[in-house]
Amino acid sequence: LKEKIGSDKLREQGGLRIITTLDLKMQTAAEKAVVGRRL
């Protein structure tokens, strides 16, 4: 977002609602899948 809308809107103006693409269920699954693995 710093690249796309600029630091002024992101930090100096603020008050933004940033709706991301993240799926909470999938993110939880991803974080759980990498915990305690033998690497």
PDB file of all heavy atoms in Angstrom:
ATOM      1  N   LEU A   1       0.817  -1.208   0.000  1.00  0.00           N
ATOM      2  CA  LEU A   1       0.000   0.000   0.000  1.00  0.00           C
ATOM      3  C   LEU A   1       0.857   1.267   0.000  1.00  0.00           C
ATOM      4  O   LEU A   1       0.444   2.296  -0.541  1.00  0.00           O
ATOM      5  CB  LEU A   1      -0.935  -0.005   1.199  1.00  0.00           C
ATOM      6  CG  LEU A   1      -2.089  -1.009   1.108  1.00  0.00           C
ATOM      7  CD1 LEU A   1      -2.948  -0.952   2.367  1.00  0.00           C
ATOM      8  CD2 LEU A   1      -2.948  -0.755  -0.125  1.00  0.00           C
ATOM      9  N   LYS A   2       2.030   1.217   0.602  1.00  0.00           N
ATOM     10  CA  LYS A   2       2.922   2.371   0.518  1.00  0.00           C
ATOM     11  C   LYS A   2       3.250   2.689  -0.936  1.00  0.00           C
ATOM     12  O   LYS A   2       3.351   3.850  -1.331  1.00  0.00           O
ATOM     13  CB  LYS A   2       4.211   2.100   1.301  1.00  0.00           C
ATOM     14  CG  LYS A   2       4.071   2.263   2.807  1.00  0.00           C
ATOM     15  CD  LYS A   2       5.405   2.062   3.501  1.00  0.00           C
ATOM     16  CE  LYS A   2       5.273   2.263   5.002  1.00  0.00           C
ATOM     17  NZ  LYS A   2       6.566   2.039   5.703  1.00  0.00           N
ATOM     18  N   GLU A   3       3.403   1.646  -1.724  1.00  0.00           N
ATOM     19  CA  GLU A   3       3.710   1.830  -3.142  1.00  0.00           C
ATOM     20  C   GLU A   3       2.484   2.282  -3.928  1.00  0.00           C
ATOM     21  O   GLU A   3       2.585   3.127  -4.818  1.00  0.00           O
ATOM     22  CB  GLU A   3       4.254   0.522  -3.728  1.00  0.00           C
ATOM     23  CG  GLU A   3       4.509   0.576  -5.221  1.00  0.00           C
ATOM     24  CD  GLU A   3       4.938  -0.776  -5.768  1.00  0.00           C
ATOM     25  OE1 GLU A   3       5.362  -1.637  -4.990  1.00  0.00           O
ATOM     26  OE2 GLU A   3       4.819  -0.973  -6.994  1.00  0.00           O
ATOM     27  N   LYS A   4       1.318   1.730  -3.591  1.00  0.00           N
ATOM     28  CA  LYS A   4       0.126   1.966  -4.400  1.00  0.00           C
ATOM     29  C   LYS A   4      -0.617   3.251  -4.044  1.00  0.00           C
ATOM     30  O   LYS A   4      -1.124   3.938  -4.923  1.00  0.00           O
ATOM     31  CB  LYS A   4      -0.829   0.774  -4.292  1.00  0.00           C
ATOM     32  CG  LYS A   4      -0.263  -0.520  -4.850  1.00  0.00           C
ATOM     33  CD  LYS A   4       0.066  -0.404  -6.323  1.00  0.00           C
ATOM     34  CE  LYS A   4       0.604  -1.714  -6.879  1.00  0.00           C
ATOM     35  NZ  LYS A   4       0.963  -1.605  -8.316  1.00  0.00           N
ATOM     36  N   ILE A   5      -0.746   3.564  -2.747  1.00  0.00           N
ATOM     37  CA  ILE A   5      -1.512   4.755  -2.367  1.00  0.00           C
ATOM     38  C   ILE A   5      -0.653   5.804  -1.678  1.00  0.00           C
ATOM     39  O   ILE A   5      -1.118   6.918  -1.455  1.00  0.00           O
ATOM     40  CB  ILE A   5      -2.710   4.391  -1.470  1.00  0.00           C
ATOM     41  CG1 ILE A   5      -2.249   3.866  -0.110  1.00  0.00           C
ATOM     42  CG2 ILE A   5      -3.612   3.382  -2.143  1.00  0.00           C
ATOM     43  CD1 ILE A   5      -3.395   3.618   0.856  1.00  0.00           C
ATOM     44  N   GLY A   6       0.584   5.460  -1.322  1.00  0.00           N
ATOM     45  CA  GLY A   6       1.490   6.428  -0.731  1.00  0.00           C
ATOM     46  C   GLY A   6       1.470   6.431   0.786  1.00  0.00           C
ATOM     47  O   GLY A   6       0.463   6.118   1.413  1.00  0.00           O
ATOM     48  N   SER A   7       2.596   6.822   1.367  1.00  0.00           N
ATOM     49  CA  SER A   7       2.721   6.843   2.824  1.00  0.00           C
ATOM     50  C   SER A   7       1.829   7.893   3.460  1.00  0.00           C
ATOM     51  O   SER A   7       1.402   7.747   4.607  1.00  0.00           O
ATOM     52  CB  SER A   7       4.179   7.108   3.220  1.00  0.00           C
ATOM     53  OG  SER A   7       5.012   6.060   2.790  1.00  0.00           O
ATOM     54  N   ASP A   8       1.536   8.984   2.714  1.00  0.00           N
ATOM     55  CA  ASP A   8       0.743  10.053   3.324  1.00  0.00           C
ATOM     56  C   ASP A   8      -0.653   9.576   3.677  1.00  0.00           C
ATOM     57  O   ASP A   8      -1.162   9.833   4.768  1.00  0.00           O
ATOM     58  CB  ASP A   8       0.678  11.271   2.398  1.00  0.00           C
ATOM     59  CG  ASP A   8       0.152  10.923   1.013  1.00  0.00           C
ATOM     60  OD1 ASP A   8       0.186   9.729   0.644  1.00  0.00           O
ATOM     61  OD2 ASP A   8      -0.280  11.840   0.300  1.00  0.00           O
ATOM     62  N   LYS A   9      -1.294   8.836   2.784  1.00  0.00           N
ATOM     63  CA  LYS A   9      -2.633   8.344   3.077  1.00  0.00           C
ATOM     64  C   LYS A   9      -2.596   7.226   4.114  1.00  0.00           C
ATOM     65  O   LYS A   9      -3.482   7.117   4.953  1.00  0.00           O
ATOM     66  CB  LYS A   9      -3.322   7.837   1.809  1.00  0.00           C
ATOM     67  CG  LYS A   9      -3.810   8.941   0.908  1.00  0.00           C
ATOM     68  CD  LYS A   9      -4.603   8.391  -0.264  1.00  0.00           C
ATOM     69  CE  LYS A   9      -5.136   9.524  -1.125  1.00  0.00           C
ATOM     70  NZ  LYS A   9      -5.844   9.037  -2.317  1.00  0.00           N
ATOM     71  N   LEU A  10      -1.562   6.412   4.050  1.00  0.00           N
ATOM     72  CA  LEU A  10      -1.505   5.256   4.938  1.00  0.00           C
ATOM     73  C   LEU A  10      -1.148   5.651   6.359  1.00  0.00           C
ATOM     74  O   LEU A  10      -1.707   5.120   7.317  1.00  0.00           O
ATOM     75  CB  LEU A  10      -0.490   4.246   4.403  1.00  0.00           C
ATOM     76  CG  LEU A  10      -0.417   2.903   5.114  1.00  0.00           C
ATOM     77  CD1 LEU A  10      -1.753   2.179   5.041  1.00  0.00           C
ATOM     78  CD2 LEU A  10       0.676   2.034   4.505  1.00  0.00           C
ATOM     79  N   ARG A  11      -0.230   6.607   6.526  1.00  0.00           N
ATOM     80  CA  ARG A  11       0.261   6.930   7.862  1.00  0.00           C
ATOM     81  C   ARG A  11      -0.134   8.325   8.324  1.00  0.00           C
ATOM     82  O   ARG A  11      -0.476   8.525   9.479  1.00  0.00           O
ATOM     83  CB  ARG A  11       1.790   6.806   7.903  1.00  0.00           C
ATOM     84  CG  ARG A  11       2.302   5.403   7.642  1.00  0.00           C
ATOM     85  CD  ARG A  11       1.801   4.421   8.684  1.00  0.00           C
ATOM     86  NE  ARG A  11       2.131   4.817  10.029  1.00  0.00           N
ATOM     87  CZ  ARG A  11       3.284   4.538  10.634  1.00  0.00           C
ATOM     88  NH1 ARG A  11       4.211   3.858   9.991  1.00  0.00           N
ATOM     89  NH2 ARG A  11       3.514   4.927  11.871  1.00  0.00           N
ATOM     90  N   GLU A  12      -0.059   9.317   7.447  1.00  0.00           N
ATOM     91  CA  GLU A  12      -0.316  10.685   7.884  1.00  0.00           C
ATOM     92  C   GLU A  12      -1.808  10.985   7.942  1.00  0.00           C
ATOM     93  O   GLU A  12      -2.268  11.759   8.771  1.00  0.00           O
ATOM     94  CB  GLU A  12       0.410  11.663   6.968  1.00  0.00           C
ATOM     95  CG  GLU A  12       1.929  11.534   7.071  1.00  0.00           C
ATOM     96  CD  GLU A  12       2.652  12.398   6.061  1.00  0.00           C
ATOM     97  OE1 GLU A  12       2.052  13.367   5.561  1.00  0.00           O
ATOM     98  OE2 GLU A  12       3.825  12.109   5.763  1.00  0.00           O
ATOM     99  N   GLN A  13      -2.570  10.405   7.019  1.00  0.00           N
ATOM    100  CA  GLN A  13      -4.020  10.567   7.089  1.00  0.00           C
ATOM    101  C   GLN A  13      -4.627   9.469   7.937  1.00  0.00           C
ATOM    102  O   GLN A  13      -5.324   9.714   8.902  1.00  0.00           O
ATOM    103  CB  GLN A  13      -4.633  10.534   5.689  1.00  0.00           C
ATOM    104  CG  GLN A  13      -6.156  10.539   5.692  1.00  0.00           C
ATOM    105  CD  GLN A  13      -6.715  10.387   4.280  1.00  0.00           C
ATOM    106  OE1 GLN A  13      -6.233  11.002   3.342  1.00  0.00           O
ATOM    107  NE2 GLN A  13      -7.717   9.561   4.140  1.00  0.00           N
ATOM    108  N   GLY A  14      -4.339   8.225   7.590  1.00  0.00           N
ATOM    109  CA  GLY A  14      -4.814   7.099   8.376  1.00  0.00           C
ATOM    110  C   GLY A  14      -6.319   6.974   8.369  1.00  0.00           C
ATOM    111  O   GLY A  14      -7.014   7.467   7.490  1.00  0.00           O
ATOM    112  N   GLY A  15      -6.818   6.284   9.385  1.00  0.00           N
ATOM    113  CA  GLY A  15      -8.252   6.076   9.491  1.00  0.00           C
ATOM    114  C   GLY A  15      -8.810   5.181   8.408  1.00  0.00           C
ATOM    115  O   GLY A  15     -10.004   5.233   8.109  1.00  0.00           O
ATOM    116  N   LEU A  16      -7.965   4.344   7.817  1.00  0.00           N
ATOM    117  CA  LEU A  16      -8.381   3.528   6.687  1.00  0.00           C
ATOM    118  C   LEU A  16      -8.859   2.145   7.154  1.00  0.00           C
ATOM    119  O   LEU A  16      -8.376   1.608   8.147  1.00  0.00           O
ATOM    120  CB  LEU A  16      -7.223   3.355   5.703  1.00  0.00           C
ATOM    121  CG  LEU A  16      -6.576   4.638   5.182  1.00  0.00           C
ATOM    122  CD1 LEU A  16      -5.435   4.292   4.231  1.00  0.00           C
ATOM    123  CD2 LEU A  16      -7.607   5.526   4.489  1.00  0.00           C
ATOM    124  N   ARG A  17      -9.798   1.603   6.411  1.00  0.00           N
ATOM    125  CA  ARG A  17     -10.226   0.211   6.576  1.00  0.00           C
ATOM    126  C   ARG A  17      -9.647  -0.555   5.392  1.00  0.00           C
ATOM    127  O   ARG A  17     -10.071  -0.347   4.255  1.00  0.00           O
ATOM    128  CB  ARG A  17     -11.752   0.106   6.586  1.00  0.00           C
ATOM    129  CG  ARG A  17     -12.400   0.548   7.876  1.00  0.00           C
ATOM    130  CD  ARG A  17     -13.924   0.523   7.757  1.00  0.00           C
ATOM    131  NE  ARG A  17     -14.403  -0.739   7.204  1.00  0.00           N
ATOM    132  CZ  ARG A  17     -14.675  -1.827   7.925  1.00  0.00           C
ATOM    133  NH1 ARG A  17     -14.494  -1.807   9.229  1.00  0.00           N
ATOM    134  NH2 ARG A  17     -15.124  -2.924   7.348  1.00  0.00           N
ATOM    135  N   ILE A  18      -8.688  -1.418   5.675  1.00  0.00           N
ATOM    136  CA  ILE A  18      -7.999  -2.155   4.618  1.00  0.00           C
ATOM    137  C   ILE A  18      -8.534  -3.576   4.614  1.00  0.00           C
ATOM    138  O   ILE A  18      -8.215  -4.378   5.504  1.00  0.00           O
ATOM    139  CB  ILE A  18      -6.473  -2.119   4.854  1.00  0.00           C
ATOM    140  CG1 ILE A  18      -5.983  -0.669   4.879  1.00  0.00           C
ATOM    141  CG2 ILE A  18      -5.750  -2.924   3.790  1.00  0.00           C
ATOM    142  CD1 ILE A  18      -4.688  -0.461   5.602  1.00  0.00           C
ATOM    143  N   ILE A  19      -9.354  -3.879   3.632  1.00  0.00           N
ATOM    144  CA  ILE A  19      -9.950  -5.205   3.518  1.00  0.00           C
ATOM    145  C   ILE A  19      -9.017  -6.047   2.659  1.00  0.00           C
ATOM    146  O   ILE A  19      -8.870  -5.812   1.464  1.00  0.00           O
ATOM    147  CB  ILE A  19     -11.352  -5.156   2.881  1.00  0.00           C
ATOM    148  CG1 ILE A  19     -12.206  -4.040   3.511  1.00  0.00           C
ATOM    149  CG2 ILE A  19     -12.030  -6.501   3.019  1.00  0.00           C
ATOM    150  CD1 ILE A  19     -12.391  -4.164   4.992  1.00  0.00           C
ATOM    151  N   THR A  20      -8.364  -7.013   3.269  1.00  0.00           N
ATOM    152  CA  THR A  20      -7.383  -7.827   2.564  1.00  0.00           C
ATOM    153  C   THR A  20      -8.031  -9.088   2.000  1.00  0.00           C
ATOM    154  O   THR A  20      -9.214  -9.348   2.199  1.00  0.00           O
ATOM    155  CB  THR A  20      -6.233  -8.224   3.508  1.00  0.00           C
ATOM    156  OG1 THR A  20      -6.709  -9.222   4.436  1.00  0.00           O
ATOM    157  CG2 THR A  20      -5.711  -7.021   4.277  1.00  0.00           C
ATOM    158  N   THR A  21      -7.222  -9.856   1.314  1.00  0.00           N
ATOM    159  CA  THR A  21      -7.687 -11.113   0.717  1.00  0.00           C
ATOM    160  C   THR A  21      -7.559 -12.288   1.678  1.00  0.00           C
ATOM    161  O   THR A  21      -7.969 -13.409   1.335  1.00  0.00           O
ATOM    162  CB  THR A  21      -6.862 -11.423  -0.537  1.00  0.00           C
ATOM    163  OG1 THR A  21      -5.468 -11.512  -0.159  1.00  0.00           O
ATOM    164  CG2 THR A  21      -7.022 -10.326  -1.589  1.00  0.00           C
ATOM    165  N   LEU A  22      -7.011 -12.076   2.846  1.00  0.00           N
ATOM    166  CA  LEU A  22      -6.690 -13.175   3.754  1.00  0.00           C
ATOM    167  C   LEU A  22      -7.943 -13.925   4.198  1.00  0.00           C
ATOM    168  O   LEU A  22      -8.949 -13.316   4.572  1.00  0.00           O
ATOM    169  CB  LEU A  22      -5.957 -12.642   4.980  1.00  0.00           C
ATOM    170  CG  LEU A  22      -5.281 -13.703   5.854  1.00  0.00           C
ATOM    171  CD1 LEU A  22      -4.011 -14.192   5.185  1.00  0.00           C
ATOM    172  CD2 LEU A  22      -4.944 -13.128   7.232  1.00  0.00           C
ATOM    173  N   ASP A  23      -7.866 -15.242   4.163  1.00  0.00           N
ATOM    174  CA  ASP A  23      -8.916 -16.115   4.677  1.00  0.00           C
ATOM    175  C   ASP A  23      -8.444 -16.633   6.032  1.00  0.00           C
ATOM    176  O   ASP A  23      -7.438 -17.336   6.116  1.00  0.00           O
ATOM    177  CB  ASP A  23      -9.156 -17.270   3.708  1.00  0.00           C
ATOM    178  CG  ASP A  23     -10.290 -18.182   4.142  1.00  0.00           C
ATOM    179  OD1 ASP A  23     -10.181 -18.813   5.209  1.00  0.00           O
ATOM    180  OD2 ASP A  23     -11.281 -18.281   3.407  1.00  0.00           O
ATOM    181  N   LEU A  24      -9.167 -16.272   7.091  1.00  0.00           N
ATOM    182  CA  LEU A  24      -8.702 -16.589   8.439  1.00  0.00           C
ATOM    183  C   LEU A  24      -8.568 -18.090   8.661  1.00  0.00           C
ATOM    184  O   LEU A  24      -7.602 -18.562   9.279  1.00  0.00           O
ATOM    185  CB  LEU A  24      -9.646 -15.986   9.478  1.00  0.00           C
ATOM    186  CG  LEU A  24      -9.234 -16.178  10.941  1.00  0.00           C
ATOM    187  CD1 LEU A  24      -7.853 -15.610  11.208  1.00  0.00           C
ATOM    188  CD2 LEU A  24     -10.259 -15.537  11.871  1.00  0.00           C
ATOM    189  N   LYS A  25      -9.521 -18.866   8.158  1.00  0.00           N
ATOM    190  CA  LYS A  25      -9.452 -20.314   8.335  1.00  0.00           C
ATOM    191  C   LYS A  25      -8.214 -20.876   7.639  1.00  0.00           C
ATOM    192  O   LYS A  25      -7.496 -21.716   8.203  1.00  0.00           O
ATOM    193  CB  LYS A  25     -10.708 -20.966   7.773  1.00  0.00           C
ATOM    194  CG  LYS A  25     -10.685 -22.483   7.856  1.00  0.00           C
ATOM    195  CD  LYS A  25     -11.928 -23.103   7.229  1.00  0.00           C
ATOM    196  CE  LYS A  25     -11.836 -24.637   7.215  1.00  0.00           C
ATOM    197  NZ  LYS A  25     -13.018 -25.248   6.566  1.00  0.00           N
ATOM    198  N   MET A  26      -7.935 -20.412   6.426  1.00  0.00           N
ATOM    199  CA  MET A  26      -6.764 -20.914   5.707  1.00  0.00           C
ATOM    200  C   MET A  26      -5.475 -20.451   6.360  1.00  0.00           C
ATOM    201  O   MET A  26      -4.485 -21.203   6.412  1.00  0.00           O
ATOM    202  CB  MET A  26      -6.828 -20.474   4.257  1.00  0.00           C
ATOM    203  CG  MET A  26      -7.948 -21.129   3.459  1.00  0.00           C
ATOM    204  SD  MET A  26      -7.729 -20.883   1.685  1.00  0.00           S
ATOM    205  CE  MET A  26      -9.186 -21.726   1.050  1.00  0.00           C
ATOM    206  N   GLN A  27      -5.458 -19.218   6.865  1.00  0.00           N
ATOM    207  CA  GLN A  27      -4.255 -18.735   7.537  1.00  0.00           C
ATOM    208  C   GLN A  27      -3.978 -19.546   8.794  1.00  0.00           C
ATOM    209  O   GLN A  27      -2.832 -19.909   9.079  1.00  0.00           O
ATOM    210  CB  GLN A  27      -4.407 -17.260   7.893  1.00  0.00           C
ATOM    211  CG  GLN A  27      -3.216 -16.661   8.602  1.00  0.00           C
ATOM    212  CD  GLN A  27      -1.964 -16.635   7.748  1.00  0.00           C
ATOM    213  OE1 GLN A  27      -2.044 -16.602   6.516  1.00  0.00           O
ATOM    214  NE2 GLN A  27      -0.804 -16.643   8.368  1.00  0.00           N
ATOM    215  N   THR A  28      -5.017 -19.846   9.542  1.00  0.00           N
ATOM    216  CA  THR A  28      -4.855 -20.677  10.735  1.00  0.00           C
ATOM    217  C   THR A  28      -4.313 -22.050  10.365  1.00  0.00           C
ATOM    218  O   THR A  28      -3.436 -22.603  11.041  1.00  0.00           O
ATOM    219  CB  THR A  28      -6.198 -20.817  11.465  1.00  0.00           C
ATOM    220  OG1 THR A  28      -6.678 -19.513  11.821  1.00  0.00           O
ATOM    221  CG2 THR A  28      -6.051 -21.659  12.726  1.00  0.00           C
ATOM    222  N   ALA A  29      -4.841 -22.609   9.265  1.00  0.00           N
ATOM    223  CA  ALA A  29      -4.362 -23.916   8.804  1.00  0.00           C
ATOM    224  C   ALA A  29      -2.894 -23.850   8.405  1.00  0.00           C
ATOM    225  O   ALA A  29      -2.114 -24.779   8.677  1.00  0.00           O
ATOM    226  CB  ALA A  29      -5.217 -24.399   7.639  1.00  0.00           C
ATOM    227  N   ALA A  30      -2.496 -22.764   7.744  1.00  0.00           N
ATOM    228  CA  ALA A  30      -1.103 -22.622   7.314  1.00  0.00           C
ATOM    229  C   ALA A  30      -0.167 -22.534   8.513  1.00  0.00           C
ATOM    230  O   ALA A  30       0.890 -23.186   8.551  1.00  0.00           O
ATOM    231  CB  ALA A  30      -0.962 -21.385   6.433  1.00  0.00           C
ATOM    232  N   GLU A  31      -0.534 -21.720   9.499  1.00  0.00           N
ATOM    233  CA  GLU A  31       0.327 -21.566  10.666  1.00  0.00           C
ATOM    234  C   GLU A  31       0.405 -22.856  11.471  1.00  0.00           C
ATOM    235  O   GLU A  31       1.460 -23.190  12.019  1.00  0.00           O
ATOM    236  CB  GLU A  31      -0.198 -20.406  11.514  1.00  0.00           C
ATOM    237  CG  GLU A  31      -0.071 -19.059  10.812  1.00  0.00           C
ATOM    238  CD  GLU A  31      -0.642 -17.914  11.616  1.00  0.00           C
ATOM    239  OE1 GLU A  31      -1.165 -18.172  12.717  1.00  0.00           O
ATOM    240  OE2 GLU A  31      -0.562 -16.762  11.146  1.00  0.00           O
ATOM    241  N   LYS A  32      -0.690 -23.577  11.542  1.00  0.00           N
ATOM    242  CA  LYS A  32      -0.683 -24.838  12.273  1.00  0.00           C
ATOM    243  C   LYS A  32       0.157 -25.892  11.550  1.00  0.00           C
ATOM    244  O   LYS A  32       0.852 -26.698  12.186  1.00  0.00           O
ATOM    245  CB  LYS A  32      -2.117 -25.334  12.441  1.00  0.00           C
ATOM    246  CG  LYS A  32      -2.239 -26.620  13.244  1.00  0.00           C
ATOM    247  CD  LYS A  32      -3.699 -27.032  13.402  1.00  0.00           C
ATOM    248  CE  LYS A  32      -3.830 -28.331  14.191  1.00  0.00           C
ATOM    249  NZ  LYS A  32      -5.255 -28.745  14.336  1.00  0.00           N
ATOM    250  N   ALA A  33       0.119 -25.879  10.205  1.00  0.00           N
ATOM    251  CA  ALA A  33       0.825 -26.903   9.428  1.00  0.00           C
ATOM    252  C   ALA A  33       2.336 -26.814   9.564  1.00  0.00           C
ATOM    253  O   ALA A  33       3.035 -27.822   9.398  1.00  0.00           O
ATOM    254  CB  ALA A  33       0.425 -26.796   7.952  1.00  0.00           C
ATOM    255  N   VAL A  34       2.872 -25.619   9.865  1.00  0.00           N
ATOM    256  CA  VAL A  34       4.331 -25.471   9.913  1.00  0.00           C
ATOM    257  C   VAL A  34       4.893 -25.554  11.326  1.00  0.00           C
ATOM    258  O   VAL A  34       6.112 -25.493  11.513  1.00  0.00           O
ATOM    259  CB  VAL A  34       4.755 -24.131   9.267  1.00  0.00           C
ATOM    260  CG1 VAL A  34       4.304 -24.061   7.816  1.00  0.00           C
ATOM    261  CG2 VAL A  34       4.206 -22.941  10.049  1.00  0.00           C
ATOM    262  N   VAL A  35       4.034 -25.700  12.319  1.00  0.00           N
ATOM    263  CA  VAL A  35       4.503 -25.753  13.709  1.00  0.00           C
ATOM    264  C   VAL A  35       5.012 -27.152  14.039  1.00  0.00           C
ATOM    265  O   VAL A  35       4.362 -28.155  13.744  1.00  0.00           O
ATOM    266  CB  VAL A  35       3.364 -25.372  14.679  1.00  0.00           C
ATOM    267  CG1 VAL A  35       3.785 -25.639  16.126  1.00  0.00           C
ATOM    268  CG2 VAL A  35       2.985 -23.915  14.507  1.00  0.00           C
ATOM    269  N   GLY A  36       6.207 -27.209  14.630  1.00  0.00           N
ATOM    270  CA  GLY A  36       6.738 -28.471  15.133  1.00  0.00           C
ATOM    271  C   GLY A  36       7.148 -29.463  14.070  1.00  0.00           C
ATOM    272  O   GLY A  36       7.259 -30.666  14.355  1.00  0.00           O
ATOM    273  N   ARG A  37       7.379 -29.007  12.830  1.00  0.00           N
ATOM    274  CA  ARG A  37       7.766 -29.949  11.767  1.00  0.00           C
ATOM    275  C   ARG A  37       9.254 -30.260  11.842  1.00  0.00           C
ATOM    276  O   ARG A  37      10.064 -29.439  12.273  1.00  0.00           O
ATOM    277  CB  ARG A  37       7.436 -29.368  10.386  1.00  0.00           C
ATOM    278  CG  ARG A  37       6.014 -28.888  10.222  1.00  0.00           C
ATOM    279  CD  ARG A  37       4.968 -29.906  10.606  1.00  0.00           C
ATOM    280  NE  ARG A  37       4.920 -31.065   9.768  1.00  0.00           N
ATOM    281  CZ  ARG A  37       3.827 -31.501   9.133  1.00  0.00           C
ATOM    282  NH1 ARG A  37       2.667 -30.842   9.269  1.00  0.00           N
ATOM    283  NH2 ARG A  37       3.853 -32.591   8.406  1.00  0.00           N
ATOM    284  N   ARG A  38       9.582 -31.465  11.406  1.00  0.00           N
ATOM    285  CA  ARG A  38      10.991 -31.854  11.338  1.00  0.00           C
ATOM    286  C   ARG A  38      11.565 -31.306  10.033  1.00  0.00           C
ATOM    287  O   ARG A  38      11.168 -31.699   8.933  1.00  0.00           O
ATOM    288  CB  ARG A  38      11.125 -33.374  11.385  1.00  0.00           C
ATOM    289  CG  ARG A  38      12.576 -33.852  11.409  1.00  0.00           C
ATOM    290  CD  ARG A  38      12.668 -35.327  11.736  1.00  0.00           C
ATOM    291  NE  ARG A  38      14.050 -35.784  11.703  1.00  0.00           N
ATOM    292  CZ  ARG A  38      14.591 -36.401  10.654  1.00  0.00           C
ATOM    293  NH1 ARG A  38      13.852 -36.660   9.580  1.00  0.00           N
ATOM    294  NH2 ARG A  38      15.857 -36.795  10.697  1.00  0.00           N
ATOM    295  N   LEU A  39      12.498 -30.390  10.159  1.00  0.00           N
ATOM    296  CA  LEU A  39      13.090 -29.722   9.010  1.00  0.00           C
ATOM    297  C   LEU A  39      14.599 -29.898   9.034  1.00  0.00           C
ATOM    298  O   LEU A  39      15.180 -30.258  10.066  1.00  0.00           O
ATOM    299  CB  LEU A  39      12.756 -28.224   9.029  1.00  0.00           C
ATOM    300  CG  LEU A  39      11.276 -27.831   8.937  1.00  0.00           C
ATOM    301  CD1 LEU A  39      11.130 -26.328   9.082  1.00  0.00           C
ATOM    302  CD2 LEU A  39      10.670 -28.298   7.622  1.00  0.00           C
TER     303      LEU A  39
END
